[in-house]
Amino acid sequence: MNSLIYIFLIPIVFCVKQDDLNRDDNSTELHEEGSAQVGANENLTIPHKVPSRFIDKVRAIGRKQAIGVKGTLMCGGRPVRNATVKLWDNDFFDPDDLIGEAHVYENGTFQVSGFVISITSIDPQLRIYHNCRSSSKGCRRKITFTVPDNYINKGEKVQKWFDLGAPNMEIGVKHKEEKHCY
């Protein structure tokens, strides 16, 4: 039986076949074929890929949104070393999407950017993993900052960067900090 399921995503409604949601092979099916002439009277059949997975259909109507953050991380009067910064799209209904990742340079500076395709506006977060004021060998301090929406750029390239400045990572941020052990 070929039934339809309506999925409501605010403010858009998708109509998806039940078979598309039940697929587990993560492949994209070939639905159409075209032909091109290669040489004298030779035809080459070229398959065209038409999205058949649900996520591919969402990406087809989504828009590209880029975000970029730069800054310098300090630990007291010294630059933070061996820290990692990650940009995430904080999603409400599904797992968060990693947008970009970078390591802090020896002088404490960093620059991280990336883009995602999303139907709704992204909710960018900068997550910093560092060892400033931490005595644990296997764990790092993780602190999360929300990047203001006015720094979200249209397209794949960052035109307007958010400058975090030079925060002193000795500070503790209530409800925005946790241990990250690996």
N, C-alpha and C. Protein backbone atom coordinates (compact mmCIF):
# COMPACT_ATOMS: atom_id res chain seq x y z
N MET A 1 0.85 -1.17 0.00
CA MET A 1 0.00 0.00 0.00
C MET A 1 0.89 1.23 0.00
N ASN A 2 0.64 2.14 -0.86
CA ASN A 2 1.44 3.34 -1.01
C ASN A 2 0.71 4.50 -0.36
N SER A 3 1.02 4.76 0.93
CA SER A 3 0.32 5.81 1.66
C SER A 3 1.20 7.04 1.79
N LEU A 4 0.57 8.16 2.06
CA LEU A 4 1.29 9.42 2.22
C LEU A 4 1.23 9.86 3.66
N ILE A 5 2.32 10.44 4.12
CA ILE A 5 2.39 10.99 5.47
C ILE A 5 2.67 12.47 5.34
N TYR A 6 1.97 13.28 6.10
CA TYR A 6 2.21 14.71 6.09
C TYR A 6 3.07 15.07 7.29
N ILE A 7 4.18 15.73 7.02
CA ILE A 7 5.08 16.15 8.08
C ILE A 7 4.99 17.66 8.17
N PHE A 8 4.69 18.16 9.35
CA PHE A 8 4.53 19.59 9.54
C PHE A 8 5.79 20.16 10.16
N LEU A 9 6.47 21.01 9.42
CA LEU A 9 7.61 21.75 9.92
C LEU A 9 7.24 23.21 9.82
N ILE A 10 7.28 23.89 10.90
CA ILE A 10 6.82 25.26 10.94
C ILE A 10 7.69 26.12 10.04
N PRO A 11 7.20 26.85 9.09
CA PRO A 11 5.82 26.96 8.62
C PRO A 11 5.58 26.18 7.34
N ILE A 12 6.34 25.11 7.08
CA ILE A 12 6.27 24.40 5.81
C ILE A 12 5.71 22.99 6.03
N VAL A 13 4.92 22.51 5.07
CA VAL A 13 4.37 21.17 5.11
C VAL A 13 4.98 20.37 3.97
N PHE A 14 5.51 19.19 4.28
CA PHE A 14 6.06 18.30 3.26
C PHE A 14 5.12 17.12 3.09
N CYS A 15 5.01 16.67 1.88
CA CYS A 15 4.26 15.46 1.60
C CYS A 15 5.27 14.42 1.12
N VAL A 16 5.45 13.38 1.90
CA VAL A 16 6.48 12.37 1.62
C VAL A 16 5.83 11.01 1.57
N LYS A 17 6.26 10.19 0.60
CA LYS A 17 5.74 8.84 0.51
C LYS A 17 6.23 8.01 1.69
N GLN A 18 5.40 7.13 2.18
CA GLN A 18 5.76 6.25 3.29
C GLN A 18 7.02 5.47 2.97
N ASP A 19 7.20 5.04 1.71
CA ASP A 19 8.38 4.26 1.32
C ASP A 19 9.66 5.06 1.52
N ASP A 20 9.63 6.39 1.31
CA ASP A 20 10.83 7.21 1.47
C ASP A 20 11.29 7.26 2.92
N LEU A 21 10.35 7.22 3.87
CA LEU A 21 10.71 7.28 5.28
C LEU A 21 11.21 5.94 5.80
N ASN A 22 10.79 4.86 5.19
CA ASN A 22 11.16 3.53 5.66
C ASN A 22 12.44 3.01 5.05
N ARG A 23 13.08 3.77 4.16
CA ARG A 23 14.29 3.31 3.49
C ARG A 23 15.43 3.28 4.48
N ASP A 24 16.28 2.28 4.37
CA ASP A 24 17.43 2.21 5.26
C ASP A 24 18.74 2.09 4.50
N ASP A 25 18.72 2.19 3.19
CA ASP A 25 19.95 2.01 2.43
C ASP A 25 20.68 3.31 2.16
N ASN A 26 20.08 4.46 2.54
CA ASN A 26 20.71 5.78 2.40
C ASN A 26 21.21 6.05 0.99
N SER A 27 20.64 5.45 0.01
CA SER A 27 21.09 5.68 -1.36
C SER A 27 20.14 6.64 -2.07
N THR A 28 20.61 7.18 -3.14
CA THR A 28 19.77 8.02 -3.99
C THR A 28 19.45 7.23 -5.25
N GLU A 29 18.17 7.03 -5.51
CA GLU A 29 17.77 6.23 -6.66
C GLU A 29 17.88 7.04 -7.94
N LEU A 30 18.06 6.34 -9.04
CA LEU A 30 18.08 6.97 -10.35
C LEU A 30 16.69 6.84 -10.95
N HIS A 31 16.07 7.96 -11.28
CA HIS A 31 14.71 7.93 -11.78
C HIS A 31 14.59 8.27 -13.25
N GLU A 32 15.52 9.03 -13.78
CA GLU A 32 15.43 9.46 -15.17
C GLU A 32 16.75 9.20 -15.86
N GLU A 33 16.70 9.10 -17.14
CA GLU A 33 17.92 8.95 -17.91
C GLU A 33 17.89 9.92 -19.08
N GLY A 34 19.08 10.37 -19.49
CA GLY A 34 19.19 11.24 -20.64
C GLY A 34 20.27 10.66 -21.53
N SER A 35 20.38 11.15 -22.73
CA SER A 35 21.42 10.65 -23.60
C SER A 35 22.16 11.80 -24.24
N ALA A 36 23.41 11.56 -24.53
CA ALA A 36 24.25 12.56 -25.19
C ALA A 36 25.01 11.86 -26.31
N GLN A 37 25.24 12.57 -27.38
CA GLN A 37 25.96 11.98 -28.50
C GLN A 37 27.46 12.15 -28.26
N VAL A 38 28.19 11.03 -28.27
CA VAL A 38 29.62 11.03 -27.98
C VAL A 38 30.43 11.22 -29.24
N GLY A 39 30.20 10.42 -30.25
CA GLY A 39 30.95 10.49 -31.50
C GLY A 39 29.98 10.28 -32.64
N ALA A 40 30.48 9.79 -33.71
CA ALA A 40 29.64 9.54 -34.87
C ALA A 40 28.65 8.44 -34.55
N ASN A 41 27.41 8.81 -34.44
CA ASN A 41 26.30 7.88 -34.22
C ASN A 41 26.43 7.05 -32.94
N GLU A 42 27.19 7.52 -31.94
CA GLU A 42 27.28 6.81 -30.66
C GLU A 42 26.50 7.59 -29.62
N ASN A 43 25.66 6.92 -28.89
CA ASN A 43 24.90 7.54 -27.81
C ASN A 43 25.39 7.01 -26.47
N LEU A 44 25.58 7.89 -25.53
CA LEU A 44 25.98 7.55 -24.18
C LEU A 44 24.82 7.87 -23.27
N THR A 45 24.37 6.91 -22.49
CA THR A 45 23.27 7.14 -21.57
C THR A 45 23.85 7.70 -20.27
N ILE A 46 23.34 8.85 -19.85
CA ILE A 46 23.81 9.51 -18.64
C ILE A 46 22.67 9.53 -17.64
N PRO A 47 22.84 8.86 -16.51
CA PRO A 47 21.77 8.88 -15.50
C PRO A 47 21.73 10.22 -14.78
N HIS A 48 20.53 10.70 -14.47
CA HIS A 48 20.34 11.91 -13.69
C HIS A 48 19.84 11.50 -12.32
N LYS A 49 20.46 12.04 -11.28
CA LYS A 49 20.02 11.71 -9.93
C LYS A 49 18.92 12.66 -9.50
N VAL A 50 17.83 12.09 -9.04
CA VAL A 50 16.73 12.85 -8.50
C VAL A 50 16.64 12.49 -7.02
N PRO A 51 16.61 13.47 -6.12
CA PRO A 51 16.61 13.15 -4.69
C PRO A 51 15.43 12.27 -4.31
N SER A 52 15.71 11.20 -3.57
CA SER A 52 14.63 10.34 -3.12
C SER A 52 14.61 10.20 -1.61
N ARG A 53 15.72 10.55 -0.93
CA ARG A 53 15.72 10.50 0.53
C ARG A 53 15.08 11.77 1.07
N PHE A 54 14.48 11.66 2.23
CA PHE A 54 13.80 12.80 2.84
C PHE A 54 14.75 13.96 3.07
N ILE A 55 15.95 13.70 3.60
CA ILE A 55 16.90 14.77 3.89
C ILE A 55 17.33 15.48 2.61
N ASP A 56 17.45 14.75 1.50
CA ASP A 56 17.81 15.38 0.23
C ASP A 56 16.71 16.30 -0.25
N LYS A 57 15.46 15.95 -0.01
CA LYS A 57 14.34 16.79 -0.40
C LYS A 57 14.32 18.08 0.43
N VAL A 58 14.65 17.97 1.72
CA VAL A 58 14.71 19.15 2.57
C VAL A 58 15.83 20.07 2.11
N ARG A 59 17.01 19.51 1.81
CA ARG A 59 18.13 20.32 1.37
C ARG A 59 17.84 21.02 0.04
N ALA A 60 17.02 20.39 -0.79
CA ALA A 60 16.71 20.97 -2.09
C ALA A 60 15.93 22.28 -1.95
N ILE A 61 15.15 22.43 -0.88
CA ILE A 61 14.38 23.66 -0.70
C ILE A 61 14.97 24.57 0.37
N GLY A 62 16.01 24.10 1.06
CA GLY A 62 16.65 24.90 2.11
C GLY A 62 17.51 26.00 1.52
N ARG A 63 18.02 26.84 2.37
CA ARG A 63 18.90 27.93 1.92
C ARG A 63 20.24 27.82 2.61
N LYS A 64 21.28 28.27 1.92
CA LYS A 64 22.63 28.23 2.46
C LYS A 64 22.81 29.40 3.42
N GLN A 65 23.35 29.09 4.60
CA GLN A 65 23.58 30.10 5.63
C GLN A 65 24.99 29.89 6.19
N ALA A 66 25.80 30.94 6.16
CA ALA A 66 27.18 30.87 6.64
C ALA A 66 27.34 31.66 7.92
N ILE A 67 28.31 31.25 8.72
CA ILE A 67 28.61 31.93 9.98
C ILE A 67 30.11 31.85 10.21
N GLY A 68 30.67 32.89 10.79
CA GLY A 68 32.10 32.90 11.09
C GLY A 68 32.37 33.65 12.38
N VAL A 69 33.29 33.11 13.18
CA VAL A 69 33.67 33.72 14.44
C VAL A 69 35.19 33.75 14.52
N LYS A 70 35.73 34.86 15.03
CA LYS A 70 37.17 34.97 15.23
C LYS A 70 37.42 35.60 16.59
N GLY A 71 38.63 35.43 17.09
CA GLY A 71 38.95 36.02 18.38
C GLY A 71 40.28 35.53 18.88
N THR A 72 40.58 35.88 20.12
CA THR A 72 41.81 35.47 20.80
C THR A 72 41.42 34.97 22.18
N LEU A 73 41.85 33.78 22.53
CA LEU A 73 41.54 33.21 23.84
C LEU A 73 42.75 33.39 24.76
N MET A 74 42.47 33.94 25.93
CA MET A 74 43.53 34.18 26.91
C MET A 74 43.26 33.36 28.17
N CYS A 75 44.32 33.04 28.89
CA CYS A 75 44.23 32.37 30.19
C CYS A 75 45.06 33.21 31.14
N GLY A 76 44.41 34.12 31.83
CA GLY A 76 45.14 35.10 32.62
C GLY A 76 45.82 36.05 31.66
N GLY A 77 47.14 36.15 31.73
CA GLY A 77 47.87 37.02 30.82
C GLY A 77 48.53 36.27 29.68
N ARG A 78 48.29 34.97 29.57
CA ARG A 78 48.91 34.14 28.52
C ARG A 78 47.86 33.66 27.53
N PRO A 79 48.28 33.40 26.27
CA PRO A 79 47.34 32.85 25.29
C PRO A 79 46.97 31.40 25.66
N VAL A 80 45.74 31.02 25.38
CA VAL A 80 45.30 29.64 25.58
C VAL A 80 45.94 28.78 24.49
N ARG A 81 46.46 27.64 24.88
CA ARG A 81 47.08 26.71 23.92
C ARG A 81 46.29 25.41 23.90
N ASN A 82 46.37 24.71 22.79
CA ASN A 82 45.73 23.40 22.63
C ASN A 82 44.22 23.44 22.85
N ALA A 83 43.59 24.50 22.47
CA ALA A 83 42.13 24.59 22.58
C ALA A 83 41.50 24.32 21.21
N THR A 84 40.26 23.89 21.23
CA THR A 84 39.49 23.64 20.02
C THR A 84 38.23 24.49 20.07
N VAL A 85 37.88 25.10 18.94
CA VAL A 85 36.63 25.86 18.84
C VAL A 85 35.77 25.22 17.76
N LYS A 86 34.48 25.09 18.05
CA LYS A 86 33.54 24.47 17.10
C LYS A 86 32.31 25.34 16.97
N LEU A 87 31.85 25.48 15.74
CA LEU A 87 30.59 26.17 15.45
C LEU A 87 29.52 25.11 15.25
N TRP A 88 28.41 25.26 15.92
CA TRP A 88 27.30 24.32 15.83
C TRP A 88 26.02 25.07 15.48
N ASP A 89 25.13 24.39 14.76
CA ASP A 89 23.76 24.86 14.59
C ASP A 89 22.96 24.14 15.65
N ASN A 90 22.50 24.87 16.65
CA ASN A 90 21.75 24.29 17.76
C ASN A 90 20.33 24.02 17.29
N ASP A 91 20.00 22.75 17.09
CA ASP A 91 18.68 22.36 16.58
C ASP A 91 17.77 21.94 17.72
N PHE A 92 16.49 22.23 17.56
CA PHE A 92 15.51 21.92 18.59
C PHE A 92 15.00 20.48 18.48
N PHE A 93 14.66 20.04 17.27
CA PHE A 93 14.01 18.75 17.09
C PHE A 93 14.97 17.61 16.75
N ASP A 94 16.13 17.93 16.19
CA ASP A 94 17.05 16.86 15.78
C ASP A 94 18.45 17.17 16.31
N PRO A 95 19.39 16.26 16.12
CA PRO A 95 20.75 16.49 16.65
C PRO A 95 21.37 17.77 16.05
N ASP A 96 22.21 18.42 16.86
CA ASP A 96 22.88 19.63 16.40
C ASP A 96 23.80 19.31 15.23
N ASP A 97 23.98 20.30 14.34
CA ASP A 97 24.83 20.13 13.16
C ASP A 97 26.15 20.86 13.37
N LEU A 98 27.26 20.16 13.16
CA LEU A 98 28.57 20.78 13.22
C LEU A 98 28.78 21.60 11.96
N ILE A 99 29.06 22.89 12.12
CA ILE A 99 29.26 23.78 10.98
C ILE A 99 30.74 23.90 10.65
N GLY A 100 31.58 24.04 11.67
CA GLY A 100 33.01 24.19 11.45
C GLY A 100 33.79 23.93 12.72
N GLU A 101 35.07 23.63 12.56
CA GLU A 101 35.93 23.32 13.69
C GLU A 101 37.33 23.85 13.40
N ALA A 102 38.00 24.39 14.42
CA ALA A 102 39.36 24.90 14.25
C ALA A 102 40.12 24.75 15.56
N HIS A 103 41.43 24.72 15.46
CA HIS A 103 42.30 24.69 16.63
C HIS A 103 42.87 26.08 16.83
N VAL A 104 43.06 26.44 18.08
CA VAL A 104 43.60 27.74 18.43
C VAL A 104 45.10 27.74 18.14
N TYR A 105 45.60 28.83 17.55
CA TYR A 105 47.03 28.96 17.28
C TYR A 105 47.79 29.20 18.58
N GLU A 106 49.12 29.09 18.51
CA GLU A 106 49.98 29.27 19.68
C GLU A 106 49.79 30.64 20.33
N ASN A 107 49.44 31.65 19.54
CA ASN A 107 49.25 33.00 20.09
C ASN A 107 47.82 33.22 20.62
N GLY A 108 47.00 32.16 20.64
CA GLY A 108 45.65 32.22 21.19
C GLY A 108 44.57 32.62 20.20
N THR A 109 44.97 32.97 18.96
CA THR A 109 43.96 33.42 17.98
C THR A 109 43.29 32.22 17.32
N PHE A 110 42.09 32.45 16.85
CA PHE A 110 41.36 31.43 16.10
C PHE A 110 40.44 32.11 15.11
N GLN A 111 40.04 31.34 14.12
CA GLN A 111 39.06 31.76 13.14
C GLN A 111 38.36 30.50 12.67
N VAL A 112 37.06 30.43 12.85
CA VAL A 112 36.29 29.26 12.46
C VAL A 112 35.06 29.71 11.69
N SER A 113 34.76 28.99 10.61
CA SER A 113 33.60 29.36 9.80
C SER A 113 33.08 28.13 9.07
N GLY A 114 31.91 28.29 8.49
CA GLY A 114 31.31 27.23 7.69
C GLY A 114 29.91 27.63 7.29
N PHE A 115 29.25 26.73 6.56
CA PHE A 115 27.87 26.99 6.17
C PHE A 115 27.07 25.70 6.24
N VAL A 116 25.76 25.86 6.36
CA VAL A 116 24.82 24.74 6.35
C VAL A 116 23.66 25.10 5.45
N ILE A 117 22.93 24.08 5.06
CA ILE A 117 21.69 24.28 4.31
C ILE A 117 20.54 23.96 5.25
N SER A 118 19.67 24.92 5.45
CA SER A 118 18.58 24.74 6.40
C SER A 118 17.34 25.48 5.90
N ILE A 119 16.19 24.94 6.23
CA ILE A 119 14.92 25.57 5.86
C ILE A 119 14.67 26.79 6.73
N THR A 120 14.94 26.64 8.03
CA THR A 120 14.74 27.74 8.97
C THR A 120 16.07 28.42 9.25
N SER A 121 16.03 29.55 9.92
CA SER A 121 17.25 30.24 10.30
C SER A 121 18.03 29.38 11.29
N ILE A 122 19.35 29.38 11.14
CA ILE A 122 20.18 28.59 12.04
C ILE A 122 20.29 29.31 13.39
N ASP A 123 20.61 28.54 14.42
CA ASP A 123 20.86 29.06 15.76
C ASP A 123 22.32 28.75 16.10
N PRO A 124 23.24 29.61 15.65
CA PRO A 124 24.66 29.29 15.79
C PRO A 124 25.17 29.40 17.23
N GLN A 125 26.00 28.42 17.59
CA GLN A 125 26.66 28.42 18.88
C GLN A 125 28.15 28.20 18.67
N LEU A 126 28.95 28.89 19.46
CA LEU A 126 30.38 28.66 19.49
C LEU A 126 30.68 27.88 20.76
N ARG A 127 31.29 26.71 20.61
CA ARG A 127 31.66 25.89 21.76
C ARG A 127 33.19 25.84 21.82
N ILE A 128 33.73 26.22 22.97
CA ILE A 128 35.17 26.28 23.16
C ILE A 128 35.58 25.20 24.15
N TYR A 129 36.54 24.37 23.75
CA TYR A 129 37.06 23.29 24.58
C TYR A 129 38.50 23.65 24.95
N HIS A 130 38.76 23.87 26.24
CA HIS A 130 40.08 24.37 26.65
C HIS A 130 40.49 23.82 28.00
N ASN A 131 41.76 24.04 28.38
CA ASN A 131 42.31 23.56 29.64
C ASN A 131 42.67 24.68 30.61
N CYS A 132 42.30 25.90 30.34
CA CYS A 132 42.62 27.01 31.24
C CYS A 132 41.92 26.78 32.58
N ARG A 133 42.66 26.90 33.65
CA ARG A 133 42.15 26.70 35.02
C ARG A 133 41.57 25.30 35.22
N SER A 134 42.17 24.32 34.59
CA SER A 134 41.73 22.93 34.72
C SER A 134 42.93 22.06 35.02
N SER A 135 42.82 21.21 36.02
CA SER A 135 43.93 20.33 36.39
C SER A 135 43.74 18.92 35.84
N SER A 136 42.61 18.64 35.22
CA SER A 136 42.31 17.32 34.71
C SER A 136 43.08 17.04 33.42
N LYS A 137 43.67 15.85 33.33
CA LYS A 137 44.41 15.47 32.12
C LYS A 137 43.47 14.96 31.02
N GLY A 138 42.41 14.26 31.38
CA GLY A 138 41.52 13.65 30.40
C GLY A 138 40.28 14.46 30.08
N CYS A 139 40.12 15.60 30.73
CA CYS A 139 38.92 16.41 30.50
C CYS A 139 39.32 17.84 30.16
N ARG A 140 38.43 18.50 29.45
CA ARG A 140 38.59 19.92 29.13
C ARG A 140 37.36 20.65 29.61
N ARG A 141 37.51 21.94 29.80
CA ARG A 141 36.35 22.77 30.09
C ARG A 141 35.68 23.11 28.76
N LYS A 142 34.37 23.01 28.74
CA LYS A 142 33.61 23.36 27.53
C LYS A 142 32.69 24.51 27.89
N ILE A 143 32.81 25.59 27.13
CA ILE A 143 31.97 26.75 27.36
C ILE A 143 31.24 27.07 26.05
N THR A 144 29.98 27.44 26.16
CA THR A 144 29.14 27.68 24.98
C THR A 144 28.70 29.14 24.94
N PHE A 145 28.88 29.74 23.77
CA PHE A 145 28.40 31.10 23.51
C PHE A 145 27.39 31.06 22.37
N THR A 146 26.32 31.81 22.48
CA THR A 146 25.37 31.95 21.39
C THR A 146 25.84 33.10 20.50
N VAL A 147 25.93 32.85 19.20
CA VAL A 147 26.35 33.87 18.25
C VAL A 147 25.11 34.64 17.82
N PRO A 148 25.14 35.98 17.87
CA PRO A 148 23.96 36.77 17.49
C PRO A 148 23.51 36.49 16.05
N ASP A 149 22.21 36.51 15.84
CA ASP A 149 21.62 36.20 14.54
C ASP A 149 22.05 37.16 13.43
N ASN A 150 22.39 38.41 13.77
CA ASN A 150 22.74 39.36 12.72
C ASN A 150 24.10 39.07 12.09
N TYR A 151 24.78 38.02 12.55
CA TYR A 151 26.04 37.60 11.93
C TYR A 151 25.85 36.38 11.02
N ILE A 152 24.61 35.97 10.79
CA ILE A 152 24.33 34.89 9.85
C ILE A 152 24.35 35.48 8.44
N ASN A 153 25.15 34.90 7.58
CA ASN A 153 25.32 35.39 6.21
C ASN A 153 24.56 34.51 5.23
N LYS A 154 24.04 35.09 4.16
CA LYS A 154 23.41 34.32 3.10
C LYS A 154 24.49 33.74 2.21
N GLY A 155 24.31 32.49 1.79
CA GLY A 155 25.27 31.85 0.90
C GLY A 155 26.31 31.03 1.65
N GLU A 156 27.39 30.69 0.94
CA GLU A 156 28.43 29.82 1.49
C GLU A 156 29.59 30.58 2.12
N LYS A 157 29.76 31.85 1.79
CA LYS A 157 30.91 32.62 2.25
C LYS A 157 30.51 33.60 3.35
N VAL A 158 31.42 33.76 4.32
CA VAL A 158 31.19 34.68 5.41
C VAL A 158 31.61 36.08 4.98
N GLN A 159 30.68 37.00 5.02
CA GLN A 159 30.96 38.40 4.71
C GLN A 159 31.09 39.22 6.00
N LYS A 160 30.27 38.88 6.99
CA LYS A 160 30.26 39.60 8.26
C LYS A 160 30.65 38.62 9.38
N TRP A 161 31.82 38.84 9.97
CA TRP A 161 32.35 37.96 11.02
C TRP A 161 31.94 38.48 12.39
N PHE A 162 31.69 37.55 13.31
CA PHE A 162 31.48 37.91 14.71
C PHE A 162 32.84 37.88 15.39
N ASP A 163 33.24 38.99 16.00
CA ASP A 163 34.52 39.08 16.70
C ASP A 163 34.27 38.89 18.19
N LEU A 164 34.72 37.77 18.71
CA LEU A 164 34.53 37.44 20.12
C LEU A 164 35.41 38.32 21.01
N GLY A 165 36.45 38.89 20.45
CA GLY A 165 37.38 39.69 21.24
C GLY A 165 38.43 38.79 21.87
N ALA A 166 38.84 39.12 23.09
CA ALA A 166 39.89 38.35 23.79
C ALA A 166 39.43 38.01 25.20
N PRO A 167 38.49 37.07 25.33
CA PRO A 167 38.00 36.73 26.67
C PRO A 167 39.06 35.98 27.49
N ASN A 168 39.05 36.23 28.79
CA ASN A 168 39.91 35.51 29.71
C ASN A 168 39.17 34.23 30.10
N MET A 169 39.69 33.09 29.67
CA MET A 169 38.99 31.81 29.86
C MET A 169 39.07 31.30 31.30
N GLU A 170 39.71 32.05 32.21
CA GLU A 170 39.70 31.68 33.62
C GLU A 170 38.29 31.82 34.20
N ILE A 171 37.50 32.67 33.60
CA ILE A 171 36.17 32.94 34.12
C ILE A 171 35.29 31.69 34.01
N GLY A 172 34.42 31.54 34.97
CA GLY A 172 33.42 30.46 34.93
C GLY A 172 32.08 31.06 34.54
N VAL A 173 31.34 30.39 33.69
CA VAL A 173 30.06 30.90 33.24
C VAL A 173 28.97 29.94 33.71
N LYS A 174 28.16 30.41 34.63
CA LYS A 174 27.11 29.59 35.22
C LYS A 174 26.11 29.14 34.16
N HIS A 175 25.78 27.87 34.14
CA HIS A 175 24.80 27.25 33.23
C HIS A 175 25.26 27.20 31.78
N LYS A 176 26.46 27.67 31.46
CA LYS A 176 26.96 27.63 30.08
C LYS A 176 28.28 26.89 29.99
N GLU A 177 28.68 26.26 31.08
CA GLU A 177 29.96 25.57 31.11
C GLU A 177 29.79 24.16 31.66
N GLU A 178 30.56 23.23 31.10
CA GLU A 178 30.53 21.84 31.59
C GLU A 178 31.85 21.18 31.27
N LYS A 179 32.09 20.04 31.88
CA LYS A 179 33.29 19.26 31.59
C LYS A 179 33.06 18.46 30.33
N HIS A 180 34.10 18.35 29.52
CA HIS A 180 34.06 17.53 28.32
C HIS A 180 35.23 16.57 28.38
N CYS A 181 34.94 15.31 28.68
CA CYS A 181 35.98 14.29 28.84
C CYS A 181 36.05 13.42 27.60
N TYR A 182 37.25 13.01 27.26
CA TYR A 182 37.45 12.18 26.08
C TYR A 182 38.30 11.00 26.39
